[in-house]
């Protein structure tokens, strides 16, 4: 399932950046929507799994693995979270 049709909102972006700032060496101000998860934030696969678990709990969602494997940037995470929240609101 592609989440490219969903747009995140500023609150989701702020919250996702807050979660990421707990797991990476960059401070909150150094994390931007365009930041690369691997190159800029130095997240490896284990780090991404940990972030997914925290995001699922924080937002009360279940991020699908199919979307997570496509993540390249912070913006991708925000889009996935927005889509998952939209799907959860229909349940």
PDB file of N, CA and C in Angstrom:
ATOM      1  N   UNK A   1       0.849  -1.177   0.000  1.00  0.00           N
ATOM      2  CA  UNK A   1       0.000   0.000   0.000  1.00  0.00           C
ATOM      3  C   UNK A   1       0.888   1.231   0.000  1.00  0.00           C
ATOM      4  N   UNK A   2       0.665   2.123  -0.895  1.00  0.00           N
ATOM      5  CA  UNK A   2       1.439   3.356  -0.960  1.00  0.00           C
ATOM      6  C   UNK A   2       0.727   4.461  -0.203  1.00  0.00           C
ATOM      7  N   UNK A   3       1.518   5.248   0.523  1.00  0.00           N
ATOM      8  CA  UNK A   3       0.950   6.322   1.315  1.00  0.00           C
ATOM      9  C   UNK A   3       1.226   7.685   0.700  1.00  0.00           C
ATOM     10  N   UNK A   4       1.636   7.721  -0.551  1.00  0.00           N
ATOM     11  CA  UNK A   4       2.022   8.979  -1.169  1.00  0.00           C
ATOM     12  C   UNK A   4       0.855   9.948  -1.312  1.00  0.00           C
ATOM     13  N   UNK A   5      -0.383   9.478  -1.252  1.00  0.00           N
ATOM     14  CA  UNK A   5      -1.526  10.372  -1.386  1.00  0.00           C
ATOM     15  C   UNK A   5      -1.848  11.074  -0.076  1.00  0.00           C
ATOM     16  N   UNK A   6      -1.285  10.608   1.025  1.00  0.00           N
ATOM     17  CA  UNK A   6      -1.542  11.212   2.322  1.00  0.00           C
ATOM     18  C   UNK A   6      -0.512  12.285   2.603  1.00  0.00           C
ATOM     19  N   UNK A   7      -0.966  13.357   3.215  1.00  0.00           N
ATOM     20  CA  UNK A   7      -0.055  14.412   3.630  1.00  0.00           C
ATOM     21  C   UNK A   7      -0.096  14.482   5.143  1.00  0.00           C
ATOM     22  N   UNK A   8       1.062  14.706   5.713  1.00  0.00           N
ATOM     23  CA  UNK A   8       1.109  14.846   7.161  1.00  0.00           C
ATOM     24  C   UNK A   8       0.732  16.279   7.525  1.00  0.00           C
ATOM     25  N   UNK A   9       0.507  16.496   8.807  1.00  0.00           N
ATOM     26  CA  UNK A   9       0.223  17.852   9.248  1.00  0.00           C
ATOM     27  C   UNK A   9       1.337  18.299  10.183  1.00  0.00           C
ATOM     28  N   UNK A  10       1.419  19.589  10.458  1.00  0.00           N
ATOM     29  CA  UNK A  10       2.512  20.112  11.288  1.00  0.00           C
ATOM     30  C   UNK A  10       2.596  19.474  12.673  1.00  0.00           C
ATOM     31  N   UNK A  11       1.476  19.120  13.266  1.00  0.00           N
ATOM     32  CA  UNK A  11       1.507  18.490  14.581  1.00  0.00           C
ATOM     33  C   UNK A  11       2.164  17.113  14.506  1.00  0.00           C
ATOM     34  N   UNK A  12       1.788  16.328  13.509  1.00  0.00           N
ATOM     35  CA  UNK A  12       2.412  15.017  13.324  1.00  0.00           C
ATOM     36  C   UNK A  12       3.906  15.189  13.078  1.00  0.00           C
ATOM     37  N   UNK A  13       4.275  16.137  12.237  1.00  0.00           N
ATOM     38  CA  UNK A  13       5.689  16.375  11.945  1.00  0.00           C
ATOM     39  C   UNK A  13       6.450  16.707  13.223  1.00  0.00           C
ATOM     40  N   UNK A  14       5.901  17.586  14.039  1.00  0.00           N
ATOM     41  CA  UNK A  14       6.530  17.989  15.297  1.00  0.00           C
ATOM     42  C   UNK A  14       6.689  16.782  16.227  1.00  0.00           C
ATOM     43  N   UNK A  15       5.661  15.966  16.325  1.00  0.00           N
ATOM     44  CA  UNK A  15       5.698  14.805  17.211  1.00  0.00           C
ATOM     45  C   UNK A  15       6.676  13.742  16.707  1.00  0.00           C
ATOM     46  N   UNK A  16       6.703  13.502  15.411  1.00  0.00           N
ATOM     47  CA  UNK A  16       7.634  12.523  14.845  1.00  0.00           C
ATOM     48  C   UNK A  16       9.072  12.983  15.075  1.00  0.00           C
ATOM     49  N   UNK A  17       9.339  14.250  14.845  1.00  0.00           N
ATOM     50  CA  UNK A  17      10.686  14.779  15.072  1.00  0.00           C
ATOM     51  C   UNK A  17      11.059  14.645  16.545  1.00  0.00           C
ATOM     52  N   UNK A  18      10.104  14.854  17.431  1.00  0.00           N
ATOM     53  CA  UNK A  18      10.352  14.670  18.857  1.00  0.00           C
ATOM     54  C   UNK A  18      10.741  13.240  19.188  1.00  0.00           C
ATOM     55  N   UNK A  19      10.028  12.282  18.610  1.00  0.00           N
ATOM     56  CA  UNK A  19      10.351  10.868  18.829  1.00  0.00           C
ATOM     57  C   UNK A  19      11.742  10.564  18.274  1.00  0.00           C
ATOM     58  N   UNK A  20      12.015  11.031  17.065  1.00  0.00           N
ATOM     59  CA  UNK A  20      13.321  10.769  16.456  1.00  0.00           C
ATOM     60  C   UNK A  20      14.458  11.369  17.266  1.00  0.00           C
ATOM     61  N   UNK A  21      14.231  12.530  17.853  1.00  0.00           N
ATOM     62  CA  UNK A  21      15.298  13.187  18.615  1.00  0.00           C
ATOM     63  C   UNK A  21      15.718  12.361  19.828  1.00  0.00           C
ATOM     64  N   UNK A  22      14.866  11.444  20.264  1.00  0.00           N
ATOM     65  CA  UNK A  22      15.208  10.550  21.373  1.00  0.00           C
ATOM     66  C   UNK A  22      16.116   9.402  20.922  1.00  0.00           C
ATOM     67  N   UNK A  23      16.180   9.137  19.615  1.00  0.00           N
ATOM     68  CA  UNK A  23      16.900   7.967  19.110  1.00  0.00           C
ATOM     69  C   UNK A  23      18.123   8.290  18.272  1.00  0.00           C
ATOM     70  N   UNK A  24      18.337   9.536  17.961  1.00  0.00           N
ATOM     71  CA  UNK A  24      19.482   9.893  17.124  1.00  0.00           C
ATOM     72  C   UNK A  24      20.351  10.911  17.845  1.00  0.00           C
ATOM     73  N   UNK A  25      21.562  11.072  17.349  1.00  0.00           N
ATOM     74  CA  UNK A  25      22.487  11.998  17.994  1.00  0.00           C
ATOM     75  C   UNK A  25      22.182  13.458  17.660  1.00  0.00           C
ATOM     76  N   UNK A  26      21.445  13.708  16.601  1.00  0.00           N
ATOM     77  CA  UNK A  26      21.090  15.082  16.235  1.00  0.00           C
ATOM     78  C   UNK A  26      20.055  15.625  17.209  1.00  0.00           C
ATOM     79  N   UNK A  27      20.179  16.903  17.547  1.00  0.00           N
ATOM     80  CA  UNK A  27      19.149  17.480  18.406  1.00  0.00           C
ATOM     81  C   UNK A  27      17.919  17.795  17.567  1.00  0.00           C
ATOM     82  N   UNK A  28      16.858  18.103  18.244  1.00  0.00           N
ATOM     83  CA  UNK A  28      15.568  18.337  17.595  1.00  0.00           C
ATOM     84  C   UNK A  28      15.667  19.375  16.476  1.00  0.00           C
ATOM     85  N   UNK A  29      16.450  20.425  16.686  1.00  0.00           N
ATOM     86  CA  UNK A  29      16.579  21.477  15.678  1.00  0.00           C
ATOM     87  C   UNK A  29      17.359  21.013  14.453  1.00  0.00           C
ATOM     88  N   UNK A  30      18.147  19.946  14.608  1.00  0.00           N
ATOM     89  CA  UNK A  30      18.919  19.434  13.485  1.00  0.00           C
ATOM     90  C   UNK A  30      18.163  18.439  12.628  1.00  0.00           C
ATOM     91  N   UNK A  31      16.962  18.088  13.029  1.00  0.00           N
ATOM     92  CA  UNK A  31      16.160  17.120  12.278  1.00  0.00           C
ATOM     93  C   UNK A  31      15.139  17.875  11.445  1.00  0.00           C
ATOM     94  N   UNK A  32      15.201  17.665  10.148  1.00  0.00           N
ATOM     95  CA  UNK A  32      14.279  18.319   9.219  1.00  0.00           C
ATOM     96  C   UNK A  32      13.504  17.261   8.446  1.00  0.00           C
ATOM     97  N   UNK A  33      12.436  17.673   7.807  1.00  0.00           N
ATOM     98  CA  UNK A  33      11.639  16.729   7.018  1.00  0.00           C
ATOM     99  C   UNK A  33      12.466  16.066   5.926  1.00  0.00           C
ATOM    100  N   UNK A  34      13.433  16.787   5.387  1.00  0.00           N
ATOM    101  CA  UNK A  34      14.260  16.258   4.308  1.00  0.00           C
ATOM    102  C   UNK A  34      15.410  15.402   4.811  1.00  0.00           C
ATOM    103  N   UNK A  35      15.613  15.329   6.128  1.00  0.00           N
ATOM    104  CA  UNK A  35      16.733  14.562   6.680  1.00  0.00           C
ATOM    105  C   UNK A  35      16.627  13.096   6.273  1.00  0.00           C
ATOM    106  N   UNK A  36      17.745  12.566   5.781  1.00  0.00           N
ATOM    107  CA  UNK A  36      17.813  11.148   5.428  1.00  0.00           C
ATOM    108  C   UNK A  36      17.956  10.329   6.704  1.00  0.00           C
ATOM    109  N   UNK A  37      17.190   9.256   6.795  1.00  0.00           N
ATOM    110  CA  UNK A  37      17.235   8.422   7.993  1.00  0.00           C
ATOM    111  C   UNK A  37      18.595   7.758   8.169  1.00  0.00           C
ATOM    112  N   UNK A  38      19.200   7.332   7.082  1.00  0.00           N
ATOM    113  CA  UNK A  38      20.473   6.625   7.153  1.00  0.00           C
ATOM    114  C   UNK A  38      21.650   7.600   7.150  1.00  0.00           C
ATOM    115  N   UNK A  39      21.719   8.462   6.152  1.00  0.00           N
ATOM    116  CA  UNK A  39      22.878   9.334   6.008  1.00  0.00           C
ATOM    117  C   UNK A  39      22.918  10.452   7.050  1.00  0.00           C
ATOM    118  N   UNK A  40      21.804  11.121   7.288  1.00  0.00           N
ATOM    119  CA  UNK A  40      21.794  12.266   8.206  1.00  0.00           C
ATOM    120  C   UNK A  40      21.584  11.869   9.662  1.00  0.00           C
ATOM    121  N   UNK A  41      20.696  10.920   9.902  1.00  0.00           N
ATOM    122  CA  UNK A  41      20.342  10.561  11.273  1.00  0.00           C
ATOM    123  C   UNK A  41      21.027   9.284  11.753  1.00  0.00           C
ATOM    124  N   UNK A  42      21.757   8.620  10.845  1.00  0.00           N
ATOM    125  CA  UNK A  42      22.530   7.413  11.182  1.00  0.00           C
ATOM    126  C   UNK A  42      21.674   6.314  11.814  1.00  0.00           C
ATOM    127  N   UNK A  43      20.447   6.174  11.341  1.00  0.00           N
ATOM    128  CA  UNK A  43      19.586   5.092  11.820  1.00  0.00           C
ATOM    129  C   UNK A  43      19.886   3.826  11.029  1.00  0.00           C
ATOM    130  N   UNK A  44      20.112   2.740  11.731  1.00  0.00           N
ATOM    131  CA  UNK A  44      20.257   1.451  11.072  1.00  0.00           C
ATOM    132  C   UNK A  44      18.922   0.717  11.164  1.00  0.00           C
ATOM    133  N   UNK A  45      18.883  -0.510  10.685  1.00  0.00           N
ATOM    134  CA  UNK A  45      17.607  -1.234  10.658  1.00  0.00           C
ATOM    135  C   UNK A  45      17.050  -1.455  12.060  1.00  0.00           C
ATOM    136  N   UNK A  46      17.901  -1.722  13.031  1.00  0.00           N
ATOM    137  CA  UNK A  46      17.429  -1.900  14.404  1.00  0.00           C
ATOM    138  C   UNK A  46      16.869  -0.595  14.959  1.00  0.00           C
ATOM    139  N   UNK A  47      17.536   0.510  14.664  1.00  0.00           N
ATOM    140  CA  UNK A  47      17.039   1.814  15.103  1.00  0.00           C
ATOM    141  C   UNK A  47      15.683   2.129  14.505  1.00  0.00           C
ATOM    142  N   UNK A  48      15.498   1.786  13.248  1.00  0.00           N
ATOM    143  CA  UNK A  48      14.214   2.034  12.594  1.00  0.00           C
ATOM    144  C   UNK A  48      13.122   1.173  13.222  1.00  0.00           C
ATOM    145  N   UNK A  49      13.443  -0.079  13.540  1.00  0.00           N
ATOM    146  CA  UNK A  49      12.466  -0.948  14.204  1.00  0.00           C
ATOM    147  C   UNK A  49      12.060  -0.351  15.548  1.00  0.00           C
ATOM    148  N   UNK A  50      13.026   0.157  16.303  1.00  0.00           N
ATOM    149  CA  UNK A  50      12.719   0.777  17.592  1.00  0.00           C
ATOM    150  C   UNK A  50      11.833   2.009  17.417  1.00  0.00           C
ATOM    151  N   UNK A  51      12.141   2.823  16.416  1.00  0.00           N
ATOM    152  CA  UNK A  51      11.335   4.014  16.142  1.00  0.00           C
ATOM    153  C   UNK A  51       9.914   3.610  15.765  1.00  0.00           C
ATOM    154  N   UNK A  52       9.768   2.577  14.953  1.00  0.00           N
ATOM    155  CA  UNK A  52       8.437   2.097  14.560  1.00  0.00           C
ATOM    156  C   UNK A  52       7.633   1.694  15.793  1.00  0.00           C
ATOM    157  N   UNK A  53       8.259   0.964  16.698  1.00  0.00           N
ATOM    158  CA  UNK A  53       7.552   0.520  17.902  1.00  0.00           C
ATOM    159  C   UNK A  53       7.101   1.707  18.748  1.00  0.00           C
ATOM    160  N   UNK A  54       7.961   2.694  18.892  1.00  0.00           N
ATOM    161  CA  UNK A  54       7.598   3.876  19.681  1.00  0.00           C
ATOM    162  C   UNK A  54       6.495   4.668  18.989  1.00  0.00           C
ATOM    163  N   UNK A  55       6.596   4.835  17.670  1.00  0.00           N
ATOM    164  CA  UNK A  55       5.558   5.563  16.933  1.00  0.00           C
ATOM    165  C   UNK A  55       4.219   4.846  17.026  1.00  0.00           C
ATOM    166  N   UNK A  56       4.224   3.526  16.903  1.00  0.00           N
ATOM    167  CA  UNK A  56       2.981   2.758  17.022  1.00  0.00           C
ATOM    168  C   UNK A  56       2.326   3.001  18.373  1.00  0.00           C
ATOM    169  N   UNK A  57       3.124   2.967  19.418  1.00  0.00           N
ATOM    170  CA  UNK A  57       2.578   3.185  20.760  1.00  0.00           C
ATOM    171  C   UNK A  57       2.150   4.638  20.960  1.00  0.00           C
ATOM    172  N   UNK A  58       2.990   5.568  20.544  1.00  0.00           N
ATOM    173  CA  UNK A  58       2.715   6.990  20.745  1.00  0.00           C
ATOM    174  C   UNK A  58       1.423   7.421  20.057  1.00  0.00           C
ATOM    175  N   UNK A  59       1.260   6.995  18.805  1.00  0.00           N
ATOM    176  CA  UNK A  59       0.104   7.420  18.014  1.00  0.00           C
ATOM    177  C   UNK A  59      -1.070   6.442  18.085  1.00  0.00           C
ATOM    178  N   UNK A  60      -0.891   5.277  18.696  1.00  0.00           N
ATOM    179  CA  UNK A  60      -1.960   4.285  18.749  1.00  0.00           C
ATOM    180  C   UNK A  60      -2.283   3.717  17.381  1.00  0.00           C
ATOM    181  N   UNK A  61      -1.229   3.458  16.599  1.00  0.00           N
ATOM    182  CA  UNK A  61      -1.388   2.975  15.225  1.00  0.00           C
ATOM    183  C   UNK A  61      -0.583   1.696  15.042  1.00  0.00           C
ATOM    184  N   UNK A  62      -0.691   1.122  13.858  1.00  0.00           N
ATOM    185  CA  UNK A  62       0.136  -0.019  13.469  1.00  0.00           C
ATOM    186  C   UNK A  62       0.707   0.298  12.091  1.00  0.00           C
ATOM    187  N   UNK A  63       1.975   0.704  12.068  1.00  0.00           N
ATOM    188  CA  UNK A  63       2.611   1.030  10.795  1.00  0.00           C
ATOM    189  C   UNK A  63       2.910  -0.263  10.044  1.00  0.00           C
ATOM    190  N   UNK A  64       2.417  -0.400   8.812  1.00  0.00           N
ATOM    191  CA  UNK A  64       2.645  -1.626   8.051  1.00  0.00           C
ATOM    192  C   UNK A  64       4.089  -1.720   7.563  1.00  0.00           C
ATOM    193  N   UNK A  65       4.640  -2.919   7.621  1.00  0.00           N
ATOM    194  CA  UNK A  65       6.021  -3.139   7.189  1.00  0.00           C
ATOM    195  C   UNK A  65       6.232  -2.704   5.744  1.00  0.00           C
ATOM    196  N   UNK A  66       5.216  -2.855   4.913  1.00  0.00           N
ATOM    197  CA  UNK A  66       5.353  -2.485   3.500  1.00  0.00           C
ATOM    198  C   UNK A  66       5.648  -1.002   3.332  1.00  0.00           C
ATOM    199  N   UNK A  67       5.121  -0.174   4.210  1.00  0.00           N
ATOM    200  CA  UNK A  67       5.405   1.257   4.137  1.00  0.00           C
ATOM    201  C   UNK A  67       6.736   1.612   4.755  1.00  0.00           C
ATOM    202  N   UNK A  68       7.086   0.913   5.826  1.00  0.00           N
ATOM    203  CA  UNK A  68       8.322   1.204   6.551  1.00  0.00           C
ATOM    204  C   UNK A  68       9.548   0.935   5.689  1.00  0.00           C
ATOM    205  N   UNK A  69       9.530  -0.124   4.904  1.00  0.00           N
ATOM    206  CA  UNK A  69      10.696  -0.451   4.079  1.00  0.00           C
ATOM    207  C   UNK A  69      10.958   0.606   3.012  1.00  0.00           C
ATOM    208  N   UNK A  70       9.972   1.433   2.728  1.00  0.00           N
ATOM    209  CA  UNK A  70      10.136   2.489   1.730  1.00  0.00           C
ATOM    210  C   UNK A  70      10.625   3.803   2.335  1.00  0.00           C
ATOM    211  N   UNK A  71      10.726   3.876   3.653  1.00  0.00           N
ATOM    212  CA  UNK A  71      11.164   5.113   4.297  1.00  0.00           C
ATOM    213  C   UNK A  71      12.589   5.468   3.900  1.00  0.00           C
ATOM    214  N   UNK A  72      12.774   6.713   3.517  1.00  0.00           N
ATOM    215  CA  UNK A  72      14.104   7.248   3.227  1.00  0.00           C
ATOM    216  C   UNK A  72      14.359   8.520   4.026  1.00  0.00           C
ATOM    217  N   UNK A  73      13.290   9.246   4.349  1.00  0.00           N
ATOM    218  CA  UNK A  73      13.438  10.542   5.019  1.00  0.00           C
ATOM    219  C   UNK A  73      12.426  10.677   6.149  1.00  0.00           C
ATOM    220  N   UNK A  74      12.605  11.719   6.939  1.00  0.00           N
ATOM    221  CA  UNK A  74      11.660  12.023   8.010  1.00  0.00           C
ATOM    222  C   UNK A  74      10.276  12.279   7.416  1.00  0.00           C
ATOM    223  N   UNK A  75      10.223  12.928   6.272  1.00  0.00           N
ATOM    224  CA  UNK A  75       8.939  13.195   5.614  1.00  0.00           C
ATOM    225  C   UNK A  75       8.205  11.897   5.292  1.00  0.00           C
ATOM    226  N   UNK A  76       8.939  10.860   4.905  1.00  0.00           N
ATOM    227  CA  UNK A  76       8.313   9.559   4.626  1.00  0.00           C
ATOM    228  C   UNK A  76       7.655   8.991   5.879  1.00  0.00           C
ATOM    229  N   UNK A  77       8.324   9.134   7.019  1.00  0.00           N
ATOM    230  CA  UNK A  77       7.743   8.663   8.279  1.00  0.00           C
ATOM    231  C   UNK A  77       6.459   9.423   8.570  1.00  0.00           C
ATOM    232  N   UNK A  78       6.507  10.739   8.432  1.00  0.00           N
ATOM    233  CA  UNK A  78       5.331  11.569   8.720  1.00  0.00           C
ATOM    234  C   UNK A  78       4.155  11.193   7.833  1.00  0.00           C
ATOM    235  N   UNK A  79       4.429  10.935   6.570  1.00  0.00           N
ATOM    236  CA  UNK A  79       3.374  10.537   5.644  1.00  0.00           C
ATOM    237  C   UNK A  79       2.770   9.193   6.048  1.00  0.00           C
ATOM    238  N   UNK A  80       3.620   8.245   6.440  1.00  0.00           N
ATOM    239  CA  UNK A  80       3.125   6.934   6.880  1.00  0.00           C
ATOM    240  C   UNK A  80       2.287   7.041   8.141  1.00  0.00           C
ATOM    241  N   UNK A  81       2.737   7.864   9.085  1.00  0.00           N
ATOM    242  CA  UNK A  81       1.985   8.055  10.329  1.00  0.00           C
ATOM    243  C   UNK A  81       0.626   8.680  10.027  1.00  0.00           C
ATOM    244  N   UNK A  82       0.604   9.698   9.171  1.00  0.00           N
ATOM    245  CA  UNK A  82      -0.666  10.345   8.813  1.00  0.00           C
ATOM    246  C   UNK A  82      -1.619   9.346   8.167  1.00  0.00           C
ATOM    247  N   UNK A  83      -1.099   8.502   7.278  1.00  0.00           N
ATOM    248  CA  UNK A  83      -1.938   7.509   6.609  1.00  0.00           C
ATOM    249  C   UNK A  83      -2.462   6.481   7.602  1.00  0.00           C
ATOM    250  N   UNK A  84      -1.601   6.020   8.494  1.00  0.00           N
ATOM    251  CA  UNK A  84      -2.027   5.026   9.486  1.00  0.00           C
ATOM    252  C   UNK A  84      -3.058   5.612  10.442  1.00  0.00           C
ATOM    253  N   UNK A  85      -2.901   6.870  10.805  1.00  0.00           N
ATOM    254  CA  UNK A  85      -3.894   7.514  11.677  1.00  0.00           C
ATOM    255  C   UNK A  85      -5.223   7.643  10.958  1.00  0.00           C
ATOM    256  N   UNK A  86      -5.181   7.947   9.682  1.00  0.00           N
ATOM    257  CA  UNK A  86      -6.405   8.050   8.884  1.00  0.00           C
ATOM    258  C   UNK A  86      -7.116   6.697   8.831  1.00  0.00           C
ATOM    259  N   UNK A  87      -6.357   5.633   8.606  1.00  0.00           N
ATOM    260  CA  UNK A  87      -6.945   4.293   8.559  1.00  0.00           C
ATOM    261  C   UNK A  87      -7.494   3.889   9.919  1.00  0.00           C
ATOM    262  N   UNK A  88      -6.793   4.243  10.983  1.00  0.00           N
ATOM    263  CA  UNK A  88      -7.229   3.913  12.336  1.00  0.00           C
ATOM    264  C   UNK A  88      -8.517   4.639  12.689  1.00  0.00           C
ATOM    265  N   UNK A  89      -8.684   5.840  12.167  1.00  0.00           N
ATOM    266  CA  UNK A  89      -9.890   6.611  12.494  1.00  0.00           C
ATOM    267  C   UNK A  89     -11.148   5.988  11.896  1.00  0.00           C
ATOM    268  N   UNK A  90     -10.983   5.107  10.890  1.00  0.00           N
ATOM    269  CA  UNK A  90     -12.134   4.441  10.288  1.00  0.00           C
ATOM    270  C   UNK A  90     -12.516   3.169  11.025  1.00  0.00           C
ATOM    271  N   UNK A  91     -11.631   2.694  11.904  1.00  0.00           N
ATOM    272  CA  UNK A  91     -11.913   1.453  12.650  1.00  0.00           C
ATOM    273  C   UNK A  91     -12.891   1.684  13.767  1.00  0.00           C
TER     274      UNK A  91
END
